[in-house]
Structure formats: C-alpha cells, structure tokens
Amino acid sequence: MRAQRRAMTAAEIDAKSAAITEKLFSPECIGKTKTVCIFLSAFNEPDTIPIAKKLWQKQCKVVVPISNTKTNTLSLSYIDSLRDLCKGAYGILEPSVIKSAGIGDIDVILIPGLAFDRDGGRMGFGKGYYDRFLENTNAVKIGLCYDFQLLDNIPKESHDIPMNYIITEKEILKIG
C-alpha cells in the first residue's frame, strides 16, 4: 500500500482528495461541527489543506496535532491560516506559533493511517501517537484514506480505538 500511495501522481491525489473532501462535508459526517482536528497531510496522504480552507469558510475552528518525538504523543494547536505553518517532526507541517487546544474542545478528529478495515480498525505508522491520543476523547473519529487502503480486516490490538467513519474517494463507511 505504501508503494501504491507513493506511485500516485499529483493529479490522482488531487482528484481522489477532492472526492474525499466532498464526502466528508456531507451532513452525516461534518454536519454542524464547530471544531475539527485535522492531520496535515504528508507522504501522498489525502490532501487535507482544502479541508482546512472549507472548514474556515464554514466558520469552524481548525486544530492540528503536533508530534512530540521524545514521548510519542500528540499535543494540539489551533491554526487560523496556512501561513502559520512550518515543517516539524517527520517533515510534517506544524504551526510555528502554538495556540493550545484541549482535546475536549474537538467535535471531530480526522485521522490518517496506512490502512483501515471495514470494522473501523486502523493501522498506523507504528509509534502509537494516535492510539494514545484517541483513548482520551469522545469526538467523532473519521479515518481518511484511498480506496486501496480500505481492507476487509487488519490485525487489531487491545489498545486500538476504532473509527466511527472511514471515508475514501468511493464511499463513506459508517461503523457500528
């Protein structure tokens, strides 16, 4: 799957990301949300920059995670503009000025992954950042991925937190 994602052209990423964004903004997913935590895409993940822009147009607050590579944990910061971003841990964009946000402030969390399954399972990048982060929230959890990353089943561990939705360019999968 990593190789398949890396092989995607910019045009493919743009087209698939646009379809994912359209589905995300359906009433059943984002609806009347006020505060959304989005990952800032890297490594040919679905592009979340258009999502941030659309959220701001809807007068929503946008929060992004910041990786602490010493503790393998995420902290949160509001962002008001894309101009406030710079490369951070792992080469992923992060805010240059931190405006702390609490996990309890978030209505919806958009989550990346290497793969997801139809039961809401998620395979991350192996360091447990999101596993630790998600155990402390009741926010709606939405995995964003390309259709080829959605599998029938992936291995799960006891600490894994399932998604409420998984959105690909082809479908919205509601879990449970």
N, C-alpha and C. Protein backbone atom coordinates (compact mmCIF):
# COMPACT_ATOMS: atom_id res chain seq x y z
N MET A 1 0.81 -1.19 0.00
CA MET A 1 0.00 0.00 0.00
C MET A 1 0.86 1.26 0.00
N ARG A 2 1.96 1.23 0.75
CA ARG A 2 2.84 2.41 0.74
C ARG A 2 3.35 2.67 -0.67
N ALA A 3 3.77 1.60 -1.36
CA ALA A 3 4.28 1.76 -2.72
C ALA A 3 3.18 2.28 -3.64
N GLN A 4 1.98 1.77 -3.47
CA GLN A 4 0.85 2.22 -4.29
C GLN A 4 0.57 3.70 -4.04
N ARG A 5 0.64 4.12 -2.78
CA ARG A 5 0.40 5.52 -2.45
C ARG A 5 1.52 6.41 -3.00
N ARG A 6 2.76 5.94 -2.86
CA ARG A 6 3.90 6.72 -3.37
C ARG A 6 3.85 6.87 -4.89
N ALA A 7 3.29 5.89 -5.58
CA ALA A 7 3.26 5.91 -7.05
C ALA A 7 2.17 6.82 -7.62
N MET A 8 1.32 7.34 -6.77
CA MET A 8 0.23 8.18 -7.25
C MET A 8 0.77 9.49 -7.81
N THR A 9 0.16 9.96 -8.88
CA THR A 9 0.53 11.24 -9.47
C THR A 9 -0.17 12.36 -8.70
N ALA A 10 0.31 13.59 -8.87
CA ALA A 10 -0.33 14.74 -8.23
C ALA A 10 -1.78 14.87 -8.68
N ALA A 11 -2.05 14.59 -9.95
CA ALA A 11 -3.42 14.67 -10.47
C ALA A 11 -4.32 13.63 -9.80
N GLU A 12 -3.80 12.43 -9.60
CA GLU A 12 -4.59 11.38 -8.92
C GLU A 12 -4.88 11.78 -7.48
N ILE A 13 -3.87 12.29 -6.79
CA ILE A 13 -4.06 12.71 -5.40
C ILE A 13 -5.11 13.81 -5.33
N ASP A 14 -5.00 14.79 -6.22
CA ASP A 14 -5.96 15.90 -6.23
C ASP A 14 -7.39 15.41 -6.48
N ALA A 15 -7.57 14.54 -7.46
CA ALA A 15 -8.91 14.05 -7.80
C ALA A 15 -9.49 13.21 -6.66
N LYS A 16 -8.71 12.31 -6.12
CA LYS A 16 -9.21 11.46 -5.04
C LYS A 16 -9.45 12.27 -3.77
N SER A 17 -8.57 13.22 -3.49
CA SER A 17 -8.72 14.07 -2.31
C SER A 17 -9.97 14.93 -2.42
N ALA A 18 -10.26 15.43 -3.61
CA ALA A 18 -11.47 16.24 -3.82
C ALA A 18 -12.72 15.40 -3.56
N ALA A 19 -12.72 14.16 -4.00
CA ALA A 19 -13.86 13.28 -3.76
C ALA A 19 -14.02 12.97 -2.27
N ILE A 20 -12.90 12.76 -1.58
CA ILE A 20 -12.94 12.51 -0.13
C ILE A 20 -13.48 13.75 0.58
N THR A 21 -13.00 14.92 0.21
CA THR A 21 -13.45 16.17 0.83
C THR A 21 -14.96 16.35 0.64
N GLU A 22 -15.45 16.10 -0.56
CA GLU A 22 -16.88 16.23 -0.82
C GLU A 22 -17.69 15.32 0.08
N LYS A 23 -17.27 14.09 0.23
CA LYS A 23 -17.98 13.14 1.09
C LYS A 23 -17.90 13.56 2.56
N LEU A 24 -16.74 14.04 2.97
CA LEU A 24 -16.54 14.46 4.36
C LEU A 24 -17.53 15.54 4.76
N PHE A 25 -17.84 16.46 3.86
CA PHE A 25 -18.72 17.57 4.19
C PHE A 25 -20.20 17.24 4.03
N SER A 26 -20.52 15.96 3.90
CA SER A 26 -21.93 15.56 3.89
C SER A 26 -22.49 15.77 5.30
N PRO A 27 -23.79 15.97 5.41
CA PRO A 27 -24.38 16.23 6.73
C PRO A 27 -24.10 15.14 7.75
N GLU A 28 -23.99 13.89 7.32
CA GLU A 28 -23.80 12.82 8.30
C GLU A 28 -22.40 12.80 8.91
N CYS A 29 -21.42 13.40 8.25
CA CYS A 29 -20.05 13.37 8.78
C CYS A 29 -19.67 14.65 9.51
N ILE A 30 -19.57 15.74 8.80
CA ILE A 30 -19.17 17.01 9.42
C ILE A 30 -20.39 17.73 9.98
N GLY A 31 -21.45 17.79 9.21
CA GLY A 31 -22.69 18.40 9.69
C GLY A 31 -22.48 19.78 10.29
N LYS A 32 -22.90 19.95 11.54
CA LYS A 32 -22.84 21.25 12.21
C LYS A 32 -21.66 21.33 13.17
N THR A 33 -20.61 20.65 12.84
CA THR A 33 -19.41 20.64 13.67
C THR A 33 -18.85 22.04 13.83
N LYS A 34 -18.31 22.31 15.01
CA LYS A 34 -17.72 23.62 15.28
C LYS A 34 -16.19 23.58 15.32
N THR A 35 -15.61 22.49 15.79
CA THR A 35 -14.15 22.38 15.91
C THR A 35 -13.69 21.02 15.40
N VAL A 36 -12.76 21.05 14.44
CA VAL A 36 -12.28 19.82 13.80
C VAL A 36 -10.76 19.76 13.94
N CYS A 37 -10.28 18.62 14.37
CA CYS A 37 -8.84 18.35 14.40
C CYS A 37 -8.49 17.63 13.10
N ILE A 38 -7.61 18.23 12.31
CA ILE A 38 -7.21 17.60 11.05
C ILE A 38 -5.72 17.30 11.08
N PHE A 39 -5.34 16.19 10.48
CA PHE A 39 -3.92 15.95 10.26
C PHE A 39 -3.52 16.74 9.04
N LEU A 40 -2.31 17.23 9.02
CA LEU A 40 -1.79 17.94 7.85
C LEU A 40 -1.07 16.91 7.00
N SER A 41 -1.63 16.64 5.85
CA SER A 41 -1.20 15.51 5.03
C SER A 41 0.26 15.61 4.59
N ALA A 42 0.86 14.44 4.49
CA ALA A 42 2.23 14.27 4.02
C ALA A 42 2.31 12.91 3.34
N PHE A 43 3.36 12.69 2.62
CA PHE A 43 3.63 11.35 2.06
C PHE A 43 2.51 10.83 1.17
N ASN A 44 1.91 11.71 0.36
CA ASN A 44 0.83 11.36 -0.57
C ASN A 44 -0.46 10.92 0.11
N GLU A 45 -0.66 11.32 1.36
CA GLU A 45 -1.94 11.08 2.01
C GLU A 45 -3.01 11.95 1.35
N PRO A 46 -4.30 11.64 1.59
CA PRO A 46 -5.33 12.53 1.07
C PRO A 46 -5.05 13.98 1.53
N ASP A 47 -5.18 14.91 0.61
CA ASP A 47 -4.82 16.31 0.88
C ASP A 47 -5.85 16.95 1.80
N THR A 48 -5.38 17.39 2.97
CA THR A 48 -6.28 18.00 3.95
C THR A 48 -6.28 19.53 3.92
N ILE A 49 -5.42 20.13 3.12
CA ILE A 49 -5.41 21.60 3.02
C ILE A 49 -6.76 22.13 2.52
N PRO A 50 -7.34 21.55 1.45
CA PRO A 50 -8.67 22.02 1.04
C PRO A 50 -9.73 21.84 2.13
N ILE A 51 -9.56 20.82 2.96
CA ILE A 51 -10.50 20.60 4.06
C ILE A 51 -10.39 21.75 5.06
N ALA A 52 -9.17 22.14 5.42
CA ALA A 52 -8.98 23.26 6.35
C ALA A 52 -9.61 24.53 5.78
N LYS A 53 -9.38 24.80 4.51
CA LYS A 53 -9.94 26.01 3.89
C LYS A 53 -11.47 26.00 3.92
N LYS A 54 -12.05 24.85 3.64
CA LYS A 54 -13.52 24.74 3.64
C LYS A 54 -14.08 24.88 5.06
N LEU A 55 -13.35 24.34 6.04
CA LEU A 55 -13.78 24.49 7.43
C LEU A 55 -13.78 25.96 7.83
N TRP A 56 -12.74 26.69 7.46
CA TRP A 56 -12.69 28.12 7.79
C TRP A 56 -13.84 28.86 7.11
N GLN A 57 -14.17 28.49 5.87
CA GLN A 57 -15.30 29.12 5.17
C GLN A 57 -16.61 28.89 5.92
N LYS A 58 -16.71 27.73 6.58
CA LYS A 58 -17.92 27.40 7.34
C LYS A 58 -17.87 27.95 8.77
N GLN A 59 -16.85 28.78 9.05
CA GLN A 59 -16.66 29.38 10.38
C GLN A 59 -16.35 28.34 11.46
N CYS A 60 -15.74 27.24 11.08
CA CYS A 60 -15.30 26.22 12.04
C CYS A 60 -13.89 26.54 12.52
N LYS A 61 -13.59 26.07 13.71
CA LYS A 61 -12.22 26.17 14.23
C LYS A 61 -11.45 24.95 13.76
N VAL A 62 -10.18 25.17 13.42
CA VAL A 62 -9.31 24.09 12.94
C VAL A 62 -8.18 23.89 13.94
N VAL A 63 -8.01 22.64 14.34
CA VAL A 63 -6.96 22.24 15.27
C VAL A 63 -6.08 21.22 14.56
N VAL A 64 -4.79 21.28 14.80
CA VAL A 64 -3.88 20.29 14.23
C VAL A 64 -3.04 19.64 15.33
N PRO A 65 -2.68 18.37 15.13
CA PRO A 65 -1.81 17.70 16.09
C PRO A 65 -0.35 18.09 15.88
N ILE A 66 0.40 18.08 16.96
CA ILE A 66 1.84 18.34 16.92
C ILE A 66 2.52 17.14 17.57
N SER A 67 3.47 16.55 16.86
CA SER A 67 4.15 15.34 17.35
C SER A 67 5.28 15.69 18.30
N ASN A 68 5.27 15.03 19.45
CA ASN A 68 6.40 15.10 20.37
C ASN A 68 7.18 13.80 20.18
N THR A 69 8.32 13.87 19.52
CA THR A 69 9.07 12.67 19.17
C THR A 69 9.77 12.03 20.37
N LYS A 70 9.88 12.74 21.48
CA LYS A 70 10.50 12.15 22.68
C LYS A 70 9.53 11.26 23.44
N THR A 71 8.25 11.66 23.45
CA THR A 71 7.25 10.90 24.20
C THR A 71 6.27 10.14 23.30
N ASN A 72 6.40 10.33 21.98
CA ASN A 72 5.46 9.72 21.02
C ASN A 72 4.02 10.07 21.35
N THR A 73 3.80 11.36 21.69
CA THR A 73 2.47 11.85 21.99
C THR A 73 2.14 13.02 21.08
N LEU A 74 0.87 13.35 21.05
CA LEU A 74 0.39 14.49 20.27
C LEU A 74 -0.13 15.57 21.21
N SER A 75 0.21 16.81 20.91
CA SER A 75 -0.44 17.95 21.54
C SER A 75 -1.24 18.65 20.44
N LEU A 76 -2.03 19.64 20.82
CA LEU A 76 -2.95 20.25 19.86
C LEU A 76 -2.76 21.76 19.81
N SER A 77 -2.94 22.31 18.61
CA SER A 77 -2.88 23.75 18.43
C SER A 77 -3.94 24.18 17.41
N TYR A 78 -4.59 25.30 17.72
CA TYR A 78 -5.47 25.92 16.73
C TYR A 78 -4.60 26.53 15.64
N ILE A 79 -5.11 26.52 14.42
CA ILE A 79 -4.47 27.29 13.35
C ILE A 79 -5.54 28.15 12.70
N ASP A 80 -5.15 29.36 12.34
CA ASP A 80 -6.07 30.31 11.72
C ASP A 80 -5.74 30.55 10.26
N SER A 81 -4.58 30.04 9.83
CA SER A 81 -4.10 30.31 8.48
C SER A 81 -3.05 29.28 8.11
N LEU A 82 -2.91 29.05 6.84
CA LEU A 82 -1.85 28.17 6.36
C LEU A 82 -0.49 28.86 6.41
N ARG A 83 -0.51 30.18 6.50
CA ARG A 83 0.76 30.94 6.58
C ARG A 83 1.50 30.66 7.87
N ASP A 84 0.80 30.16 8.87
CA ASP A 84 1.40 29.93 10.19
C ASP A 84 2.11 28.60 10.30
N LEU A 85 2.25 27.86 9.19
CA LEU A 85 2.80 26.51 9.25
C LEU A 85 4.25 26.46 8.81
N CYS A 86 4.99 25.52 9.41
CA CYS A 86 6.37 25.25 9.01
C CYS A 86 6.61 23.75 9.19
N LYS A 87 7.68 23.25 8.60
CA LYS A 87 7.96 21.81 8.72
C LYS A 87 8.37 21.48 10.15
N GLY A 88 7.75 20.43 10.66
CA GLY A 88 8.03 19.98 12.02
C GLY A 88 8.55 18.56 12.02
N ALA A 89 8.19 17.83 13.05
CA ALA A 89 8.64 16.43 13.20
C ALA A 89 8.23 15.63 11.96
N TYR A 90 9.13 14.77 11.52
CA TYR A 90 8.92 13.87 10.38
C TYR A 90 8.68 14.63 9.07
N GLY A 91 8.96 15.94 9.04
CA GLY A 91 8.73 16.73 7.84
C GLY A 91 7.28 17.12 7.64
N ILE A 92 6.44 16.91 8.66
CA ILE A 92 5.01 17.23 8.59
C ILE A 92 4.82 18.68 9.03
N LEU A 93 3.94 19.38 8.33
CA LEU A 93 3.66 20.77 8.69
C LEU A 93 3.07 20.87 10.09
N GLU A 94 3.54 21.88 10.83
CA GLU A 94 3.04 22.18 12.17
C GLU A 94 2.98 23.69 12.31
N PRO A 95 2.20 24.19 13.28
CA PRO A 95 2.15 25.64 13.48
C PRO A 95 3.49 26.17 14.00
N SER A 96 3.88 27.33 13.51
CA SER A 96 5.11 27.95 14.01
C SER A 96 4.87 28.61 15.36
N VAL A 97 3.63 29.00 15.63
CA VAL A 97 3.24 29.55 16.92
C VAL A 97 2.12 28.67 17.47
N ILE A 98 2.31 28.15 18.66
CA ILE A 98 1.34 27.24 19.26
C ILE A 98 0.23 28.02 19.94
N LYS A 99 -1.01 27.68 19.59
CA LYS A 99 -2.21 28.21 20.25
C LYS A 99 -2.92 27.00 20.82
N SER A 100 -2.58 26.65 22.04
CA SER A 100 -3.01 25.39 22.64
C SER A 100 -4.51 25.16 22.57
N ALA A 101 -4.86 23.94 22.26
CA ALA A 101 -6.25 23.48 22.23
C ALA A 101 -6.36 22.26 23.12
N GLY A 102 -7.51 22.09 23.72
CA GLY A 102 -7.75 20.92 24.55
C GLY A 102 -8.50 19.86 23.77
N ILE A 103 -8.25 18.62 24.10
CA ILE A 103 -8.91 17.53 23.37
C ILE A 103 -10.42 17.58 23.56
N GLY A 104 -10.88 18.11 24.68
CA GLY A 104 -12.31 18.23 24.93
C GLY A 104 -13.00 19.29 24.08
N ASP A 105 -12.21 20.15 23.42
CA ASP A 105 -12.77 21.19 22.56
C ASP A 105 -13.16 20.66 21.18
N ILE A 106 -12.74 19.45 20.86
CA ILE A 106 -12.85 18.93 19.49
C ILE A 106 -14.12 18.10 19.32
N ASP A 107 -14.84 18.38 18.21
CA ASP A 107 -16.05 17.61 17.87
C ASP A 107 -15.73 16.42 16.97
N VAL A 108 -14.81 16.63 16.03
CA VAL A 108 -14.46 15.62 15.03
C VAL A 108 -12.95 15.59 14.88
N ILE A 109 -12.39 14.38 14.75
CA ILE A 109 -10.96 14.21 14.50
C ILE A 109 -10.79 13.45 13.19
N LEU A 110 -10.03 14.04 12.28
CA LEU A 110 -9.69 13.37 11.02
C LEU A 110 -8.35 12.66 11.22
N ILE A 111 -8.30 11.39 10.84
CA ILE A 111 -7.18 10.54 11.22
C ILE A 111 -6.56 9.87 10.01
N PRO A 112 -5.22 9.93 9.92
CA PRO A 112 -4.53 9.24 8.82
C PRO A 112 -4.25 7.79 9.20
N GLY A 113 -3.82 7.02 8.23
CA GLY A 113 -3.41 5.64 8.51
C GLY A 113 -2.82 5.00 7.28
N LEU A 114 -2.08 3.93 7.52
CA LEU A 114 -1.56 3.13 6.41
C LEU A 114 -2.68 2.31 5.80
N ALA A 115 -3.59 1.83 6.68
CA ALA A 115 -4.72 1.02 6.23
C ALA A 115 -5.82 1.11 7.26
N PHE A 116 -7.03 0.86 6.81
CA PHE A 116 -8.20 0.78 7.67
C PHE A 116 -8.96 -0.47 7.26
N ASP A 117 -9.83 -0.97 8.17
CA ASP A 117 -10.68 -2.08 7.75
C ASP A 117 -12.14 -1.72 7.95
N ARG A 118 -13.01 -2.58 7.46
CA ARG A 118 -14.44 -2.30 7.43
C ARG A 118 -15.09 -2.38 8.81
N ASP A 119 -14.33 -2.77 9.82
CA ASP A 119 -14.83 -2.76 11.21
C ASP A 119 -14.36 -1.51 11.95
N GLY A 120 -13.70 -0.59 11.25
CA GLY A 120 -13.22 0.63 11.88
C GLY A 120 -11.80 0.53 12.39
N GLY A 121 -11.15 -0.60 12.16
CA GLY A 121 -9.76 -0.76 12.60
C GLY A 121 -8.82 0.12 11.79
N ARG A 122 -7.72 0.48 12.42
CA ARG A 122 -6.74 1.37 11.80
C ARG A 122 -5.34 0.85 12.04
N MET A 123 -4.56 0.85 10.98
CA MET A 123 -3.14 0.53 11.10
C MET A 123 -2.38 1.83 10.88
N GLY A 124 -1.66 2.25 11.92
CA GLY A 124 -0.91 3.49 11.85
C GLY A 124 0.52 3.25 11.41
N PHE A 125 1.36 4.18 11.80
CA PHE A 125 2.76 4.12 11.40
C PHE A 125 3.64 3.45 12.44
N GLY A 126 3.05 2.92 13.51
CA GLY A 126 3.79 2.07 14.42
C GLY A 126 4.31 2.68 15.70
N LYS A 127 4.11 3.95 15.94
CA LYS A 127 4.64 4.56 17.17
C LYS A 127 3.55 4.84 18.20
N GLY A 128 2.29 4.65 17.84
CA GLY A 128 1.21 4.77 18.80
C GLY A 128 0.73 6.18 19.11
N TYR A 129 1.15 7.18 18.34
CA TYR A 129 0.72 8.55 18.60
C TYR A 129 -0.80 8.66 18.69
N TYR A 130 -1.48 8.20 17.64
CA TYR A 130 -2.93 8.34 17.60
C TYR A 130 -3.61 7.39 18.58
N ASP A 131 -3.06 6.21 18.82
CA ASP A 131 -3.66 5.29 19.79
C ASP A 131 -3.76 5.95 21.16
N ARG A 132 -2.68 6.58 21.62
CA ARG A 132 -2.70 7.25 22.92
C ARG A 132 -3.62 8.47 22.91
N PHE A 133 -3.61 9.19 21.81
CA PHE A 133 -4.42 10.40 21.68
C PHE A 133 -5.91 10.08 21.69
N LEU A 134 -6.32 9.09 20.93
CA LEU A 134 -7.74 8.78 20.76
C LEU A 134 -8.39 8.18 22.00
N GLU A 135 -7.60 7.58 22.88
CA GLU A 135 -8.20 6.98 24.07
C GLU A 135 -8.75 8.04 25.04
N ASN A 136 -8.43 9.31 24.81
CA ASN A 136 -8.84 10.39 25.71
C ASN A 136 -9.94 11.27 25.15
N THR A 137 -10.68 10.78 24.16
CA THR A 137 -11.70 11.64 23.55
C THR A 137 -12.96 10.87 23.16
N ASN A 138 -14.06 11.60 23.19
CA ASN A 138 -15.33 11.07 22.70
C ASN A 138 -15.69 11.69 21.36
N ALA A 139 -14.77 12.46 20.77
CA ALA A 139 -15.03 13.10 19.48
C ALA A 139 -15.29 12.03 18.42
N VAL A 140 -15.99 12.42 17.38
CA VAL A 140 -16.22 11.53 16.24
C VAL A 140 -14.89 11.33 15.53
N LYS A 141 -14.56 10.08 15.29
CA LYS A 141 -13.28 9.72 14.68
C LYS A 141 -13.50 9.30 13.23
N ILE A 142 -12.87 10.04 12.31
CA ILE A 142 -13.06 9.78 10.89
C ILE A 142 -11.72 9.48 10.25
N GLY A 143 -11.55 8.26 9.77
CA GLY A 143 -10.34 7.89 9.04
C GLY A 143 -10.48 8.30 7.59
N LEU A 144 -9.44 8.95 7.06
CA LEU A 144 -9.41 9.33 5.65
C LEU A 144 -8.36 8.50 4.93
N CYS A 145 -8.76 7.88 3.83
CA CYS A 145 -7.80 7.06 3.08
C CYS A 145 -8.29 6.88 1.65
N TYR A 146 -7.43 6.34 0.84
CA TYR A 146 -7.81 5.98 -0.52
C TYR A 146 -8.46 4.60 -0.49
N ASP A 147 -9.26 4.32 -1.50
CA ASP A 147 -9.98 3.06 -1.55
C ASP A 147 -9.07 1.84 -1.42
N PHE A 148 -7.88 1.89 -2.01
CA PHE A 148 -6.98 0.73 -1.93
C PHE A 148 -6.42 0.51 -0.53
N GLN A 149 -6.59 1.49 0.37
CA GLN A 149 -6.13 1.34 1.76
C GLN A 149 -7.21 0.77 2.68
N LEU A 150 -8.42 0.57 2.16
CA LEU A 150 -9.52 0.02 2.94
C LEU A 150 -9.57 -1.49 2.70
N LEU A 151 -9.27 -2.24 3.74
CA LEU A 151 -9.16 -3.70 3.65
C LEU A 151 -10.33 -4.35 4.39
N ASP A 152 -10.51 -5.64 4.15
CA ASP A 152 -11.57 -6.36 4.85
C ASP A 152 -11.25 -6.53 6.32
N ASN A 153 -9.97 -6.75 6.63
CA ASN A 153 -9.58 -6.98 8.02
C ASN A 153 -8.11 -6.66 8.20
N ILE A 154 -7.79 -6.00 9.30
CA ILE A 154 -6.39 -5.78 9.68
C ILE A 154 -6.20 -6.26 11.11
N PRO A 155 -4.98 -6.62 11.50
CA PRO A 155 -4.76 -7.06 12.87
C PRO A 155 -5.09 -5.93 13.85
N LYS A 156 -5.70 -6.30 14.97
CA LYS A 156 -6.06 -5.32 15.99
C LYS A 156 -5.43 -5.72 17.32
N GLU A 157 -5.13 -4.70 18.12
CA GLU A 157 -4.63 -4.93 19.47
C GLU A 157 -5.61 -4.32 20.45
N SER A 158 -5.51 -4.69 21.72
CA SER A 158 -6.49 -4.26 22.72
C SER A 158 -6.56 -2.75 22.89
N HIS A 159 -5.48 -2.05 22.61
CA HIS A 159 -5.47 -0.59 22.80
C HIS A 159 -5.97 0.18 21.56
N ASP A 160 -6.25 -0.50 20.47
CA ASP A 160 -6.69 0.17 19.25
C ASP A 160 -8.09 0.76 19.43
N ILE A 161 -8.25 1.98 18.98
CA ILE A 161 -9.53 2.68 19.06
C ILE A 161 -10.16 2.67 17.66
N PRO A 162 -11.38 2.13 17.52
CA PRO A 162 -12.00 2.08 16.19
C PRO A 162 -12.49 3.45 15.72
N MET A 163 -12.56 3.59 14.42
CA MET A 163 -13.09 4.79 13.80
C MET A 163 -14.62 4.74 13.84
N ASN A 164 -15.26 5.91 13.81
CA ASN A 164 -16.71 5.99 13.66
C ASN A 164 -17.10 5.98 12.19
N TYR A 165 -16.22 6.55 11.37
CA TYR A 165 -16.41 6.59 9.92
C TYR A 165 -15.06 6.38 9.24
N ILE A 166 -15.11 5.85 8.05
CA ILE A 166 -13.95 5.83 7.17
C ILE A 166 -14.44 6.36 5.83
N ILE A 167 -13.69 7.32 5.31
CA ILE A 167 -14.08 7.94 4.05
C ILE A 167 -12.98 7.73 3.03
N THR A 168 -13.37 7.19 1.89
CA THR A 168 -12.47 7.06 0.75
C THR A 168 -13.06 7.89 -0.39
N GLU A 169 -12.38 7.90 -1.51
CA GLU A 169 -12.92 8.61 -2.67
C GLU A 169 -14.17 7.94 -3.21
N LYS A 170 -14.42 6.69 -2.80
CA LYS A 170 -15.56 5.93 -3.34
C LYS A 170 -16.72 5.76 -2.38
N GLU A 171 -16.47 5.90 -1.06
CA GLU A 171 -17.56 5.61 -0.12
C GLU A 171 -17.35 6.26 1.23
N ILE A 172 -18.48 6.37 1.94
CA ILE A 172 -18.49 6.73 3.35
C ILE A 172 -18.91 5.46 4.09
N LEU A 173 -18.06 4.97 4.94
CA LEU A 173 -18.34 3.76 5.69
C LEU A 173 -18.62 4.16 7.13
N LYS A 174 -19.87 3.96 7.58
CA LYS A 174 -20.24 4.24 8.96
C LYS A 174 -20.05 2.96 9.76
N ILE A 175 -19.33 3.06 10.85
CA ILE A 175 -19.03 1.89 11.68
C ILE A 175 -20.04 1.83 12.83
N GLY A 176 -20.58 0.65 13.06
CA GLY A 176 -21.46 0.44 14.20
C GLY A 176 -22.85 0.86 14.07
